[in-house]
Protein backbone atom coordinates (compact mmCIF):
# COMPACT_ATOMS: atom_id res chain seq x y z
CA UNK A 1 -0.03 -0.11 0.06
CA UNK A 2 1.10 3.62 -0.41
CA UNK A 3 1.39 6.13 2.14
CA UNK A 4 -2.19 7.41 1.85
CA UNK A 5 -3.74 4.12 2.27
CA UNK A 6 -1.51 3.48 5.26
CA UNK A 7 -2.70 6.83 6.83
CA UNK A 8 -6.46 5.83 6.27
CA UNK A 9 -5.79 2.23 7.81
CA UNK A 10 -3.82 3.67 10.67
CA UNK A 11 -5.92 6.72 11.48
CA UNK A 12 -2.84 8.84 11.05
CA UNK A 13 -2.09 11.91 8.91
CA UNK A 14 0.51 11.58 6.18
CA UNK A 15 2.62 14.07 7.70
CA UNK A 16 2.72 12.29 10.92
CA UNK A 17 3.86 9.15 9.21
CA UNK A 18 6.58 10.91 7.45
CA UNK A 19 7.57 12.46 10.80
CA UNK A 20 7.77 9.13 12.39
CA UNK A 21 9.76 7.70 9.62
CA UNK A 22 12.40 10.72 9.93
CA UNK A 23 12.42 10.32 13.75
CA UNK A 24 13.41 6.68 13.20
CA UNK A 25 10.22 4.97 14.68
CA UNK A 26 9.06 3.48 11.33
CA UNK A 27 11.69 1.55 9.34
CA UNK A 28 12.80 2.27 5.92
CA UNK A 29 10.43 0.92 3.28
CA UNK A 30 10.84 -0.60 -0.10
CA UNK A 31 10.02 1.59 -3.05
CA UNK A 32 8.51 1.05 -6.33
CA UNK A 33 10.14 1.67 -9.81
CA UNK A 34 8.27 5.09 -9.65
CA UNK A 35 10.08 5.68 -6.22
CA UNK A 36 6.87 5.45 -4.14
CA UNK A 37 7.29 3.91 -0.72
CA UNK A 38 5.29 0.56 -0.33
CA UNK A 39 3.92 -0.29 3.11
CA UNK A 40 2.45 -3.36 4.52
CA UNK A 41 0.35 -4.55 7.70
CA UNK A 42 3.58 -4.50 9.76
CA UNK A 43 3.52 -0.72 9.34
CA UNK A 44 -0.13 -0.46 10.29
CA UNK A 45 0.58 -2.47 13.44
CA UNK A 46 3.74 -0.38 14.36
CA UNK A 47 1.73 2.99 13.73
CA UNK A 48 -1.02 1.62 15.93
CA UNK A 49 1.76 0.84 18.80
CA UNK A 50 3.08 4.46 18.40
CA UNK A 51 -0.36 5.95 18.46
CA UNK A 52 -1.41 3.99 21.50
CA UNK A 53 1.88 5.21 23.20
CA UNK A 54 1.32 8.85 22.13
CA UNK A 55 -2.19 8.60 23.52
CA UNK A 56 -0.49 7.70 27.03
CA UNK A 57 1.42 10.82 26.53
CA UNK A 58 4.81 9.01 26.05
CA UNK A 59 7.74 10.88 24.44
CA UNK A 60 9.23 9.75 21.10
CA UNK A 61 12.34 8.47 23.02
CA UNK A 62 10.11 6.48 25.31
CA UNK A 63 8.39 4.97 22.32
CA UNK A 64 11.66 4.39 20.72
CA UNK A 65 12.96 2.38 23.65
CA UNK A 66 9.71 0.33 23.84
CA UNK A 67 9.94 -0.31 20.05
CA UNK A 68 13.40 -1.88 20.63
CA UNK A 69 11.79 -4.18 23.27
CA UNK A 70 9.10 -4.95 20.94
CA UNK A 71 11.48 -5.77 18.22
CA UNK A 72 13.37 -8.15 20.59
CA UNK A 73 10.44 -10.41 21.88
CA UNK A 74 12.91 -12.96 23.68
CA UNK A 75 14.52 -10.07 25.76
CA UNK A 76 13.43 -9.55 29.39
CA UNK A 77 10.66 -6.80 29.89
CA UNK A 78 12.29 -5.51 33.10
CA UNK A 79 13.23 -2.22 31.14
CA UNK A 80 9.65 -1.83 29.92
CA UNK A 81 8.60 -2.01 33.42
CA UNK A 82 11.06 0.44 34.62
CA UNK A 83 10.02 2.72 31.73
CA UNK A 84 6.50 2.60 32.64
CA UNK A 85 7.22 3.24 36.28
CA UNK A 86 9.28 6.34 35.26
CA UNK A 87 6.54 7.68 33.12
CA UNK A 88 3.85 7.19 35.88
CA UNK A 89 6.26 9.24 38.05
CA UNK A 90 6.34 11.78 35.50
CA UNK A 91 2.63 11.93 35.13
CA UNK A 92 2.14 12.14 38.81
CA UNK A 93 4.45 15.31 38.98
CA UNK A 94 2.58 16.87 36.03
CA UNK A 95 -0.83 16.35 37.87
CA UNK A 96 0.60 18.05 40.86
CA UNK A 97 1.89 20.96 38.77
CA UNK A 98 -1.36 21.30 37.02
CA UNK A 99 -3.35 21.23 40.30
CA UNK A 100 -1.05 24.03 41.51
CA UNK A 101 -1.71 25.86 38.34
CA UNK A 102 -5.52 25.49 38.73
CA UNK A 103 -5.14 27.01 42.38
CA UNK A 104 -3.23 29.96 40.88
CA UNK A 105 -5.87 30.60 38.20
CA UNK A 106 -8.57 30.36 40.68
CA UNK A 107 -6.88 33.01 42.88
CA UNK A 108 -6.23 35.19 39.86
CA UNK A 109 -10.03 34.81 38.88
CA UNK A 110 -11.00 36.01 42.40
CA UNK A 111 -9.22 39.48 41.64
CA UNK A 112 -12.21 40.23 39.44
CA UNK A 113 -15.43 38.78 40.83
CA UNK A 114 -17.75 40.70 38.55
CA UNK A 115 -17.61 42.48 35.23
CA UNK A 116 -16.27 46.06 35.03
CA UNK A 117 -14.36 48.20 32.68
CA UNK A 118 -11.14 46.57 31.49
CA UNK A 119 -8.88 49.31 33.18
CA UNK A 120 -10.37 48.16 36.49
CA UNK A 121 -10.14 44.60 35.90
CA UNK A 122 -8.27 42.82 38.70
CA UNK A 123 -7.25 39.81 36.44
CA UNK A 124 -5.62 42.29 33.89
CA UNK A 125 -3.91 44.28 36.51
CA UNK A 126 -2.43 41.35 38.20
CA UNK A 127 -1.42 39.95 34.91
CA UNK A 128 0.35 43.41 34.03
CA UNK A 129 1.97 43.57 37.47
CA UNK A 130 5.82 43.12 37.55
CA UNK A 131 7.06 39.68 37.38
CA UNK A 132 6.95 37.96 40.63
CA UNK A 133 6.21 34.47 41.77
CA UNK A 134 2.55 34.16 42.60
CA UNK A 135 1.85 32.08 45.71
CA UNK A 136 1.54 28.43 44.92
CA UNK A 137 2.88 29.03 41.51
CA UNK A 138 4.36 25.97 39.79
CA UNK A 139 8.18 26.05 39.45
CA UNK A 140 7.91 25.12 35.70
CA UNK A 141 5.41 24.69 32.87
CA UNK A 142 3.40 21.64 33.50
CA UNK A 143 4.65 19.94 30.28
CA UNK A 144 7.98 19.22 31.63
CA UNK A 145 10.21 16.53 30.24
CA UNK A 146 10.06 12.86 30.81
CA UNK A 147 13.63 12.45 31.52
CA UNK A 148 13.92 9.29 29.28
CA UNK A 149 17.01 9.20 27.32
CA UNK A 150 17.46 7.26 24.13
CA UNK A 151 19.03 4.15 25.24
């Protein structure tokens, strides 16, 4: 199948497939005489695996590591367990950061309990104030990094 058919079968955009190929998550494919890439059911399965991992908010490096384990079915899965444990810890930290962000936004919302002229808006005035840490502000953006290195 060509890339358009693969995209349909894997519910993935063509650009995303090309990105995953460039990132090394999908293996090189055979080409036709007209230089079109040719894909098969293994590519559909691999894309489904990648999409499932992305749905769990795993980084490309985490997925790359998991694919190495999937490509070595006789190897111990202890590394898979460790990777998932690390990802769970990362998600837990992000949840705490997002909860702190929510509290900060709620405090900010209380600065303007009713509609008024924009120049009197407590929210806009707080946001325009000199940069200073707000009470309970998260140390960094909630996205963070997973900390998983390409092994």
